[in-house]
Amino acid sequence: MSRTTDAHTGPASTAWEGRWLRIRTRGSWEYAERTHAEGKAVIIVAVTPERKLLFVEQFRVPLQQRTIEMPAGLVGDNEGEDTLESAAARELLEETGWQAAQVEVLMEGPTSSGMSSETIAFCRATGLTRVHAGGGDESEDITVHEVPVDEAAAWLCAKMAEGYAMDPKLWAGLWFVEREPDGSPVNPQ
């Protein structure tokens, strides 16, 4: 039996809306929504042919510090139809300079279910080919890191000790390097 009360149900209203986000209220609850593409984003697990895992480093305004992340981005950045797979391929190429021959959606779920309606899909990119140096678009200043898969967890912990902000989803991404969502091993391509 659900313990949901009227304080959490009923019609939603908009408290504030900007270009990319809106703040909504429903009963006594306040939360954020993305204003485009159904509020979806992707995070890309990508391993180069040399078995190096791709990470990106960039300054994040809300945290006022540099972060280490897996390549990621919003679905719907391009006009017209945008799928999880096409958004993942686009963001991987834009941020890292690596092009994927295949992109597979592994799972989708909420990023912060108590604060936002945004969902994120973990995608695995395979068949990578280096096309350019990466670094993002003209509004981004991204540094690409290629870290041997076997050293990735230790490298992330060292970066955290240096003061970088780390999204806990990074460790879920490490799981997906060699496992499917159900825990079975990834079949070699």
N, C-alpha and C. Protein backbone atom coordinates (compact mmCIF):
# COMPACT_ATOMS: atom_id res chain seq x y z
N MET A 1 0.84 -1.18 0.00
CA MET A 1 0.00 0.00 0.00
C MET A 1 0.89 1.24 0.00
N SER A 2 0.57 2.17 -0.85
CA SER A 2 1.35 3.39 -0.96
C SER A 2 1.03 4.34 0.18
N ARG A 3 2.07 5.03 0.65
CA ARG A 3 1.89 6.01 1.72
C ARG A 3 1.85 7.43 1.14
N THR A 4 1.67 7.54 -0.18
CA THR A 4 1.61 8.85 -0.81
C THR A 4 0.40 9.62 -0.29
N THR A 5 0.63 10.87 0.05
CA THR A 5 -0.45 11.71 0.56
C THR A 5 -0.79 12.78 -0.46
N ASP A 6 -1.82 13.52 -0.19
CA ASP A 6 -2.21 14.61 -1.07
C ASP A 6 -1.11 15.67 -1.20
N ALA A 7 -0.20 15.70 -0.24
CA ALA A 7 0.92 16.65 -0.31
C ALA A 7 1.84 16.34 -1.48
N HIS A 8 1.73 15.13 -2.06
CA HIS A 8 2.60 14.72 -3.15
C HIS A 8 1.86 14.46 -4.45
N THR A 9 0.57 14.64 -4.47
CA THR A 9 -0.22 14.38 -5.66
C THR A 9 -0.95 15.65 -6.06
N GLY A 10 -1.80 15.53 -7.04
CA GLY A 10 -2.55 16.68 -7.50
C GLY A 10 -1.83 17.37 -8.64
N PRO A 11 -2.37 18.47 -9.08
CA PRO A 11 -1.79 19.14 -10.25
C PRO A 11 -0.44 19.81 -9.91
N ALA A 12 0.45 19.79 -10.90
CA ALA A 12 1.74 20.46 -10.75
C ALA A 12 1.62 21.88 -11.26
N SER A 13 2.38 22.78 -10.66
CA SER A 13 2.42 24.16 -11.15
C SER A 13 3.88 24.56 -11.32
N THR A 14 4.10 25.54 -12.17
CA THR A 14 5.45 26.02 -12.46
C THR A 14 5.77 27.21 -11.57
N ALA A 15 6.84 27.09 -10.78
CA ALA A 15 7.28 28.19 -9.92
C ALA A 15 8.24 29.12 -10.65
N TRP A 16 9.03 28.56 -11.57
CA TRP A 16 10.00 29.34 -12.34
C TRP A 16 10.38 28.55 -13.57
N GLU A 17 10.64 29.23 -14.69
CA GLU A 17 11.08 28.54 -15.89
C GLU A 17 12.16 29.35 -16.58
N GLY A 18 13.23 28.67 -16.94
CA GLY A 18 14.33 29.25 -17.70
C GLY A 18 14.42 28.59 -19.06
N ARG A 19 15.57 28.76 -19.70
CA ARG A 19 15.76 28.21 -21.03
C ARG A 19 15.83 26.68 -21.02
N TRP A 20 16.50 26.08 -20.03
CA TRP A 20 16.72 24.64 -20.01
C TRP A 20 16.05 23.93 -18.84
N LEU A 21 15.66 24.67 -17.81
CA LEU A 21 15.09 24.07 -16.60
C LEU A 21 13.83 24.80 -16.19
N ARG A 22 12.97 24.07 -15.47
CA ARG A 22 11.84 24.70 -14.80
C ARG A 22 11.75 24.10 -13.41
N ILE A 23 11.29 24.90 -12.48
CA ILE A 23 11.05 24.44 -11.11
C ILE A 23 9.55 24.25 -10.96
N ARG A 24 9.16 23.06 -10.53
CA ARG A 24 7.76 22.71 -10.41
C ARG A 24 7.42 22.44 -8.94
N THR A 25 6.15 22.62 -8.60
CA THR A 25 5.64 22.24 -7.29
C THR A 25 4.44 21.33 -7.50
N ARG A 26 4.31 20.38 -6.62
CA ARG A 26 3.16 19.47 -6.61
C ARG A 26 2.88 19.22 -5.14
N GLY A 27 1.80 19.78 -4.64
CA GLY A 27 1.56 19.72 -3.20
C GLY A 27 2.68 20.46 -2.50
N SER A 28 3.32 19.83 -1.53
CA SER A 28 4.42 20.48 -0.81
C SER A 28 5.79 20.15 -1.41
N TRP A 29 5.81 19.40 -2.52
CA TRP A 29 7.06 18.96 -3.14
C TRP A 29 7.53 19.97 -4.18
N GLU A 30 8.83 20.23 -4.20
CA GLU A 30 9.46 21.07 -5.23
C GLU A 30 10.49 20.23 -5.96
N TYR A 31 10.54 20.38 -7.29
CA TYR A 31 11.50 19.60 -8.08
C TYR A 31 11.81 20.31 -9.39
N ALA A 32 12.90 19.88 -10.01
CA ALA A 32 13.35 20.47 -11.28
C ALA A 32 12.98 19.55 -12.44
N GLU A 33 12.71 20.16 -13.58
CA GLU A 33 12.46 19.43 -14.83
C GLU A 33 13.34 20.02 -15.92
N ARG A 34 13.79 19.20 -16.84
CA ARG A 34 14.40 19.69 -18.07
C ARG A 34 13.27 20.18 -18.96
N THR A 35 13.52 21.20 -19.76
CA THR A 35 12.45 21.77 -20.58
C THR A 35 12.41 21.22 -21.99
N HIS A 36 13.29 20.28 -22.33
CA HIS A 36 13.26 19.72 -23.68
C HIS A 36 13.55 18.22 -23.65
N ALA A 37 13.22 17.56 -24.76
CA ALA A 37 13.53 16.15 -24.99
C ALA A 37 13.09 15.23 -23.85
N GLU A 38 11.96 15.51 -23.27
CA GLU A 38 11.40 14.66 -22.21
C GLU A 38 12.33 14.52 -21.01
N GLY A 39 13.27 15.44 -20.85
CA GLY A 39 14.16 15.42 -19.69
C GLY A 39 15.12 14.25 -19.66
N LYS A 40 15.60 13.83 -20.82
CA LYS A 40 16.48 12.66 -20.90
C LYS A 40 17.92 13.07 -21.15
N ALA A 41 18.84 12.26 -20.61
CA ALA A 41 20.26 12.45 -20.82
C ALA A 41 20.90 11.08 -21.02
N VAL A 42 22.14 11.08 -21.48
CA VAL A 42 22.89 9.84 -21.68
C VAL A 42 24.25 9.95 -21.01
N ILE A 43 24.76 8.82 -20.55
CA ILE A 43 26.13 8.71 -20.06
C ILE A 43 26.74 7.55 -20.83
N ILE A 44 27.94 7.76 -21.36
CA ILE A 44 28.52 6.81 -22.30
C ILE A 44 29.71 6.09 -21.68
N VAL A 45 29.64 4.76 -21.67
CA VAL A 45 30.74 3.90 -21.25
C VAL A 45 31.46 3.51 -22.54
N ALA A 46 32.70 3.99 -22.69
CA ALA A 46 33.43 3.78 -23.94
C ALA A 46 34.87 3.36 -23.64
N VAL A 47 35.27 2.25 -24.24
CA VAL A 47 36.62 1.72 -24.07
C VAL A 47 37.27 1.69 -25.45
N THR A 48 38.45 2.28 -25.55
CA THR A 48 39.18 2.33 -26.82
C THR A 48 39.70 0.94 -27.19
N PRO A 49 40.15 0.77 -28.44
CA PRO A 49 40.74 -0.52 -28.83
C PRO A 49 41.96 -0.90 -27.98
N GLU A 50 42.61 0.08 -27.35
CA GLU A 50 43.76 -0.18 -26.47
C GLU A 50 43.32 -0.47 -25.04
N ARG A 51 42.03 -0.71 -24.83
CA ARG A 51 41.44 -0.99 -23.51
C ARG A 51 41.62 0.16 -22.53
N LYS A 52 41.43 1.38 -23.04
CA LYS A 52 41.46 2.56 -22.18
C LYS A 52 40.05 3.10 -22.09
N LEU A 53 39.63 3.38 -20.85
CA LEU A 53 38.30 3.93 -20.58
C LEU A 53 38.35 5.44 -20.74
N LEU A 54 37.34 6.00 -21.40
CA LEU A 54 37.32 7.44 -21.66
C LEU A 54 36.59 8.18 -20.56
N PHE A 55 37.26 9.22 -20.03
CA PHE A 55 36.68 10.14 -19.06
C PHE A 55 36.87 11.55 -19.59
N VAL A 56 36.03 12.47 -19.11
CA VAL A 56 36.18 13.88 -19.45
C VAL A 56 36.27 14.69 -18.16
N GLU A 57 37.05 15.73 -18.24
CA GLU A 57 37.25 16.65 -17.11
C GLU A 57 36.76 18.02 -17.56
N GLN A 58 35.97 18.67 -16.71
CA GLN A 58 35.50 20.02 -17.03
C GLN A 58 35.06 20.74 -15.76
N PHE A 59 35.03 22.06 -15.86
CA PHE A 59 34.55 22.90 -14.76
C PHE A 59 33.04 22.89 -14.79
N ARG A 60 32.42 22.68 -13.62
CA ARG A 60 30.97 22.68 -13.52
C ARG A 60 30.53 23.84 -12.62
N VAL A 61 29.74 24.73 -13.21
CA VAL A 61 29.32 25.96 -12.54
C VAL A 61 28.58 25.70 -11.23
N PRO A 62 27.58 24.78 -11.18
CA PRO A 62 26.85 24.59 -9.91
C PRO A 62 27.76 24.18 -8.75
N LEU A 63 28.82 23.44 -9.04
CA LEU A 63 29.73 22.98 -7.99
C LEU A 63 30.90 23.93 -7.77
N GLN A 64 31.15 24.81 -8.75
CA GLN A 64 32.30 25.72 -8.73
C GLN A 64 33.61 24.96 -8.57
N GLN A 65 33.72 23.83 -9.29
CA GLN A 65 34.95 23.07 -9.29
C GLN A 65 34.99 22.16 -10.51
N ARG A 66 36.17 21.62 -10.77
CA ARG A 66 36.35 20.69 -11.88
C ARG A 66 35.83 19.31 -11.48
N THR A 67 35.31 18.61 -12.46
CA THR A 67 34.77 17.28 -12.24
C THR A 67 35.42 16.29 -13.21
N ILE A 68 35.38 15.04 -12.85
CA ILE A 68 35.72 13.95 -13.75
C ILE A 68 34.41 13.20 -13.98
N GLU A 69 34.10 12.96 -15.25
CA GLU A 69 32.86 12.30 -15.62
C GLU A 69 33.11 11.36 -16.78
N MET A 70 32.17 10.48 -17.04
CA MET A 70 32.16 9.77 -18.30
C MET A 70 31.51 10.72 -19.30
N PRO A 71 31.82 10.60 -20.59
CA PRO A 71 31.15 11.46 -21.56
C PRO A 71 29.63 11.37 -21.38
N ALA A 72 28.96 12.49 -21.51
CA ALA A 72 27.51 12.51 -21.27
C ALA A 72 26.90 13.73 -21.95
N GLY A 73 25.59 13.74 -22.05
CA GLY A 73 24.92 14.90 -22.62
C GLY A 73 23.43 14.72 -22.66
N LEU A 74 22.77 15.77 -23.13
CA LEU A 74 21.31 15.79 -23.18
C LEU A 74 20.81 15.21 -24.50
N VAL A 75 19.70 14.51 -24.42
CA VAL A 75 19.01 14.05 -25.61
C VAL A 75 18.17 15.23 -26.09
N GLY A 76 18.20 15.50 -27.38
CA GLY A 76 17.40 16.60 -27.92
C GLY A 76 18.19 17.86 -28.17
N ASP A 77 19.53 17.81 -28.03
CA ASP A 77 20.34 18.99 -28.34
C ASP A 77 20.24 19.38 -29.80
N ASN A 78 20.07 18.40 -30.68
CA ASN A 78 19.92 18.68 -32.11
C ASN A 78 18.44 18.79 -32.45
N GLU A 79 18.14 19.63 -33.42
CA GLU A 79 16.76 19.76 -33.87
C GLU A 79 16.29 18.46 -34.50
N GLY A 80 15.01 18.18 -34.44
CA GLY A 80 14.45 16.98 -35.05
C GLY A 80 14.53 15.77 -34.15
N GLU A 81 14.46 14.60 -34.77
CA GLU A 81 14.48 13.35 -34.03
C GLU A 81 15.84 13.13 -33.38
N ASP A 82 15.84 12.72 -32.14
CA ASP A 82 17.06 12.39 -31.43
C ASP A 82 16.75 11.19 -30.55
N THR A 83 17.50 10.13 -30.71
CA THR A 83 17.31 8.94 -29.89
C THR A 83 18.40 8.90 -28.82
N LEU A 84 18.24 8.01 -27.86
CA LEU A 84 19.28 7.83 -26.86
C LEU A 84 20.59 7.45 -27.54
N GLU A 85 20.51 6.54 -28.52
CA GLU A 85 21.71 6.08 -29.22
C GLU A 85 22.37 7.20 -30.02
N SER A 86 21.59 7.98 -30.75
CA SER A 86 22.20 9.05 -31.56
C SER A 86 22.77 10.15 -30.67
N ALA A 87 22.11 10.44 -29.56
CA ALA A 87 22.64 11.44 -28.63
C ALA A 87 23.95 10.96 -28.02
N ALA A 88 24.02 9.67 -27.65
CA ALA A 88 25.24 9.11 -27.07
C ALA A 88 26.39 9.16 -28.08
N ALA A 89 26.13 8.78 -29.31
CA ALA A 89 27.18 8.80 -30.35
C ALA A 89 27.66 10.23 -30.58
N ARG A 90 26.73 11.17 -30.65
CA ARG A 90 27.08 12.58 -30.89
C ARG A 90 27.92 13.14 -29.75
N GLU A 91 27.48 12.91 -28.51
CA GLU A 91 28.20 13.45 -27.35
C GLU A 91 29.58 12.82 -27.21
N LEU A 92 29.69 11.51 -27.46
CA LEU A 92 30.99 10.86 -27.39
C LEU A 92 31.97 11.49 -28.38
N LEU A 93 31.54 11.66 -29.61
CA LEU A 93 32.40 12.26 -30.64
C LEU A 93 32.75 13.70 -30.30
N GLU A 94 31.75 14.48 -29.90
CA GLU A 94 31.97 15.89 -29.59
C GLU A 94 32.93 16.08 -28.41
N GLU A 95 32.73 15.31 -27.36
CA GLU A 95 33.51 15.50 -26.14
C GLU A 95 34.88 14.84 -26.19
N THR A 96 34.98 13.67 -26.82
CA THR A 96 36.24 12.91 -26.76
C THR A 96 36.98 12.78 -28.08
N GLY A 97 36.29 13.00 -29.20
CA GLY A 97 36.91 12.80 -30.50
C GLY A 97 36.87 11.37 -30.99
N TRP A 98 36.23 10.47 -30.22
CA TRP A 98 36.11 9.07 -30.62
C TRP A 98 34.73 8.82 -31.21
N GLN A 99 34.69 8.12 -32.36
CA GLN A 99 33.44 7.78 -33.02
C GLN A 99 33.13 6.31 -32.77
N ALA A 100 31.88 6.03 -32.45
CA ALA A 100 31.46 4.66 -32.16
C ALA A 100 30.81 4.01 -33.37
N ALA A 101 31.14 2.76 -33.63
CA ALA A 101 30.47 2.00 -34.69
C ALA A 101 29.11 1.53 -34.19
N GLN A 102 29.00 1.24 -32.88
CA GLN A 102 27.73 0.79 -32.29
C GLN A 102 27.53 1.48 -30.94
N VAL A 103 26.26 1.75 -30.65
CA VAL A 103 25.88 2.26 -29.33
C VAL A 103 24.69 1.43 -28.86
N GLU A 104 24.80 0.92 -27.64
CA GLU A 104 23.76 0.07 -27.06
C GLU A 104 23.26 0.71 -25.77
N VAL A 105 21.95 0.86 -25.64
CA VAL A 105 21.37 1.36 -24.40
C VAL A 105 21.33 0.20 -23.40
N LEU A 106 21.92 0.41 -22.22
CA LEU A 106 21.99 -0.63 -21.20
C LEU A 106 20.84 -0.54 -20.20
N MET A 107 20.52 0.67 -19.77
CA MET A 107 19.43 0.88 -18.82
C MET A 107 19.15 2.38 -18.71
N GLU A 108 17.97 2.71 -18.25
CA GLU A 108 17.59 4.11 -18.04
C GLU A 108 16.92 4.24 -16.69
N GLY A 109 17.24 5.33 -15.98
CA GLY A 109 16.63 5.55 -14.68
C GLY A 109 16.81 6.99 -14.23
N PRO A 110 16.25 7.35 -13.08
CA PRO A 110 16.33 8.73 -12.59
C PRO A 110 17.74 9.10 -12.12
N THR A 111 18.09 10.36 -12.33
CA THR A 111 19.40 10.84 -11.86
C THR A 111 19.37 11.19 -10.38
N SER A 112 18.28 11.80 -9.94
CA SER A 112 18.11 12.18 -8.54
C SER A 112 16.61 12.27 -8.29
N SER A 113 16.00 11.14 -7.99
CA SER A 113 14.54 11.03 -7.99
C SER A 113 13.84 11.92 -6.97
N GLY A 114 14.54 12.41 -5.98
CA GLY A 114 13.91 13.30 -5.01
C GLY A 114 14.01 14.76 -5.40
N MET A 115 14.85 15.08 -6.42
CA MET A 115 15.09 16.48 -6.78
C MET A 115 14.71 16.79 -8.22
N SER A 116 14.70 15.78 -9.09
CA SER A 116 14.52 16.07 -10.51
C SER A 116 13.75 14.95 -11.20
N SER A 117 13.04 15.31 -12.26
CA SER A 117 12.36 14.31 -13.07
C SER A 117 13.26 13.81 -14.19
N GLU A 118 14.49 14.31 -14.30
CA GLU A 118 15.42 13.89 -15.34
C GLU A 118 15.74 12.40 -15.23
N THR A 119 15.82 11.73 -16.38
CA THR A 119 16.31 10.36 -16.43
C THR A 119 17.58 10.33 -17.26
N ILE A 120 18.42 9.33 -16.97
CA ILE A 120 19.66 9.17 -17.72
C ILE A 120 19.77 7.72 -18.15
N ALA A 121 20.27 7.53 -19.37
CA ALA A 121 20.48 6.19 -19.90
C ALA A 121 21.97 5.91 -19.96
N PHE A 122 22.38 4.77 -19.40
CA PHE A 122 23.74 4.30 -19.59
C PHE A 122 23.79 3.66 -20.97
N CYS A 123 24.76 4.07 -21.77
CA CYS A 123 24.95 3.52 -23.11
C CYS A 123 26.38 3.01 -23.23
N ARG A 124 26.54 1.86 -23.88
CA ARG A 124 27.87 1.33 -24.15
C ARG A 124 28.20 1.60 -25.61
N ALA A 125 29.33 2.28 -25.84
CA ALA A 125 29.79 2.57 -27.18
C ALA A 125 30.94 1.62 -27.52
N THR A 126 30.86 0.97 -28.67
CA THR A 126 31.89 0.01 -29.08
C THR A 126 32.32 0.29 -30.51
N GLY A 127 33.40 -0.38 -30.90
CA GLY A 127 33.93 -0.17 -32.24
C GLY A 127 34.45 1.24 -32.42
N LEU A 128 35.24 1.72 -31.46
CA LEU A 128 35.67 3.12 -31.46
C LEU A 128 36.81 3.38 -32.45
N THR A 129 36.72 4.54 -33.09
CA THR A 129 37.76 5.04 -33.99
C THR A 129 38.04 6.49 -33.63
N ARG A 130 39.32 6.84 -33.51
CA ARG A 130 39.71 8.22 -33.18
C ARG A 130 39.53 9.09 -34.42
N VAL A 131 38.75 10.18 -34.30
CA VAL A 131 38.47 11.08 -35.41
C VAL A 131 39.15 12.43 -35.20
N HIS A 132 39.11 12.95 -33.97
CA HIS A 132 39.75 14.23 -33.64
C HIS A 132 40.09 14.24 -32.16
N ALA A 133 40.63 15.35 -31.67
CA ALA A 133 41.12 15.44 -30.29
C ALA A 133 40.02 15.57 -29.25
N GLY A 134 38.80 15.91 -29.65
CA GLY A 134 37.73 16.10 -28.68
C GLY A 134 37.84 17.47 -28.02
N GLY A 135 37.20 17.63 -26.88
CA GLY A 135 37.24 18.89 -26.15
C GLY A 135 35.92 19.61 -26.06
N GLY A 136 34.88 19.08 -26.73
CA GLY A 136 33.57 19.70 -26.65
C GLY A 136 33.33 20.73 -27.72
N ASP A 137 32.19 21.42 -27.60
CA ASP A 137 31.86 22.48 -28.56
C ASP A 137 32.45 23.80 -28.09
N GLU A 138 32.09 24.88 -28.79
CA GLU A 138 32.69 26.20 -28.48
C GLU A 138 32.35 26.72 -27.09
N SER A 139 31.34 26.16 -26.43
CA SER A 139 30.97 26.61 -25.08
C SER A 139 31.62 25.77 -23.99
N GLU A 140 32.39 24.75 -24.37
CA GLU A 140 32.95 23.81 -23.39
C GLU A 140 34.47 23.85 -23.41
N ASP A 141 35.06 23.50 -22.30
CA ASP A 141 36.51 23.38 -22.17
C ASP A 141 36.77 22.02 -21.51
N ILE A 142 36.76 20.98 -22.35
CA ILE A 142 36.83 19.60 -21.87
C ILE A 142 38.23 19.04 -22.10
N THR A 143 38.76 18.40 -21.07
CA THR A 143 40.01 17.64 -21.19
C THR A 143 39.63 16.17 -21.22
N VAL A 144 40.16 15.45 -22.19
CA VAL A 144 39.88 14.02 -22.34
C VAL A 144 40.97 13.22 -21.62
N HIS A 145 40.54 12.23 -20.86
CA HIS A 145 41.47 11.31 -20.18
C HIS A 145 41.19 9.90 -20.69
N GLU A 146 42.25 9.20 -21.08
CA GLU A 146 42.17 7.80 -21.50
C GLU A 146 42.94 7.00 -20.46
N VAL A 147 42.21 6.20 -19.68
CA VAL A 147 42.79 5.51 -18.53
C VAL A 147 42.66 4.00 -18.75
N PRO A 148 43.76 3.24 -18.59
CA PRO A 148 43.64 1.79 -18.72
C PRO A 148 42.51 1.26 -17.83
N VAL A 149 41.70 0.37 -18.40
CA VAL A 149 40.53 -0.15 -17.69
C VAL A 149 40.90 -0.69 -16.31
N ASP A 150 41.98 -1.44 -16.23
CA ASP A 150 42.36 -2.06 -14.95
C ASP A 150 42.82 -1.04 -13.91
N GLU A 151 43.13 0.17 -14.32
CA GLU A 151 43.59 1.21 -13.40
C GLU A 151 42.53 2.28 -13.12
N ALA A 152 41.37 2.15 -13.74
CA ALA A 152 40.36 3.22 -13.71
C ALA A 152 39.87 3.54 -12.30
N ALA A 153 39.52 2.54 -11.51
CA ALA A 153 38.99 2.80 -10.16
C ALA A 153 40.03 3.51 -9.30
N ALA A 154 41.27 3.05 -9.34
CA ALA A 154 42.34 3.70 -8.56
C ALA A 154 42.59 5.12 -9.06
N TRP A 155 42.55 5.32 -10.37
CA TRP A 155 42.75 6.65 -10.95
C TRP A 155 41.65 7.60 -10.47
N LEU A 156 40.40 7.14 -10.49
CA LEU A 156 39.28 7.97 -10.02
C LEU A 156 39.46 8.33 -8.55
N CYS A 157 39.85 7.37 -7.72
CA CYS A 157 40.06 7.65 -6.29
C CYS A 157 41.19 8.66 -6.10
N ALA A 158 42.25 8.56 -6.89
CA ALA A 158 43.35 9.53 -6.79
C ALA A 158 42.87 10.92 -7.18
N LYS A 159 42.05 11.02 -8.23
CA LYS A 159 41.51 12.32 -8.65
C LYS A 159 40.58 12.89 -7.58
N MET A 160 39.81 12.03 -6.93
CA MET A 160 38.93 12.48 -5.85
C MET A 160 39.78 13.03 -4.70
N ALA A 161 40.87 12.36 -4.38
CA ALA A 161 41.77 12.82 -3.32
C ALA A 161 42.41 14.16 -3.67
N GLU A 162 42.56 14.44 -4.97
CA GLU A 162 43.10 15.72 -5.43
C GLU A 162 42.07 16.85 -5.35
N GLY A 163 40.80 16.50 -5.08
CA GLY A 163 39.77 17.52 -4.93
C GLY A 163 38.77 17.60 -6.06
N TYR A 164 38.86 16.71 -7.03
CA TYR A 164 37.86 16.70 -8.10
C TYR A 164 36.53 16.19 -7.57
N ALA A 165 35.44 16.73 -8.07
CA ALA A 165 34.11 16.23 -7.73
C ALA A 165 33.86 14.97 -8.54
N MET A 166 33.30 13.97 -7.90
CA MET A 166 33.04 12.69 -8.56
C MET A 166 31.58 12.30 -8.42
N ASP A 167 30.94 12.06 -9.53
CA ASP A 167 29.56 11.58 -9.54
C ASP A 167 29.59 10.08 -9.23
N PRO A 168 28.84 9.63 -8.24
CA PRO A 168 28.83 8.20 -7.92
C PRO A 168 28.45 7.31 -9.11
N LYS A 169 27.80 7.87 -10.14
CA LYS A 169 27.45 7.07 -11.32
C LYS A 169 28.70 6.57 -12.04
N LEU A 170 29.86 7.19 -11.78
CA LEU A 170 31.10 6.69 -12.38
C LEU A 170 31.33 5.23 -12.03
N TRP A 171 31.05 4.86 -10.79
CA TRP A 171 31.29 3.48 -10.36
C TRP A 171 30.28 2.53 -11.00
N ALA A 172 29.08 2.99 -11.27
CA ALA A 172 28.13 2.17 -12.04
C ALA A 172 28.66 2.00 -13.46
N GLY A 173 29.23 3.06 -14.01
CA GLY A 173 29.83 2.96 -15.34
C GLY A 173 30.95 1.94 -15.38
N LEU A 174 31.76 1.88 -14.32
CA LEU A 174 32.83 0.88 -14.27
C LEU A 174 32.25 -0.54 -14.32
N TRP A 175 31.13 -0.76 -13.65
CA TRP A 175 30.45 -2.06 -13.68
C TRP A 175 30.11 -2.44 -15.12
N PHE A 176 29.61 -1.46 -15.89
CA PHE A 176 29.15 -1.73 -17.25
C PHE A 176 30.28 -1.92 -18.26
N VAL A 177 31.53 -1.67 -17.86
CA VAL A 177 32.64 -1.94 -18.77
C VAL A 177 32.69 -3.42 -19.12
N GLU A 178 32.50 -4.27 -18.12
CA GLU A 178 32.65 -5.71 -18.34
C GLU A 178 31.40 -6.52 -18.00
N ARG A 179 30.31 -5.84 -17.61
CA ARG A 179 29.10 -6.58 -17.23
C ARG A 179 27.86 -5.95 -17.87
N GLU A 180 26.90 -6.81 -18.07
CA GLU A 180 25.58 -6.37 -18.50
C GLU A 180 24.82 -5.94 -17.24
N PRO A 181 23.69 -5.25 -17.38
CA PRO A 181 22.93 -4.84 -16.20
C PRO A 181 22.57 -6.00 -15.25
N ASP A 182 22.37 -7.21 -15.79
CA ASP A 182 22.02 -8.36 -14.95
C ASP A 182 23.23 -9.03 -14.31
N GLY A 183 24.44 -8.52 -14.54
CA GLY A 183 25.65 -9.07 -13.95
C GLY A 183 26.39 -10.06 -14.84
N SER A 184 25.76 -10.49 -15.91
CA SER A 184 26.45 -11.42 -16.82
C SER A 184 27.58 -10.69 -17.54
N PRO A 185 28.62 -11.43 -17.95
CA PRO A 185 29.76 -10.77 -18.61
C PRO A 185 29.36 -10.24 -19.99
N VAL A 186 30.03 -9.16 -20.37
CA VAL A 186 29.83 -8.59 -21.70
C VAL A 186 30.46 -9.55 -22.71
N ASN A 187 29.74 -9.85 -23.76
CA ASN A 187 30.31 -10.68 -24.82
C ASN A 187 31.31 -9.86 -25.61
N PRO A 188 32.52 -10.39 -25.84
CA PRO A 188 33.51 -9.65 -26.61
C PRO A 188 32.97 -9.35 -28.02
N GLN A 189 33.29 -8.18 -28.52
CA GLN A 189 32.81 -7.78 -29.85
C GLN A 189 33.72 -8.32 -30.93
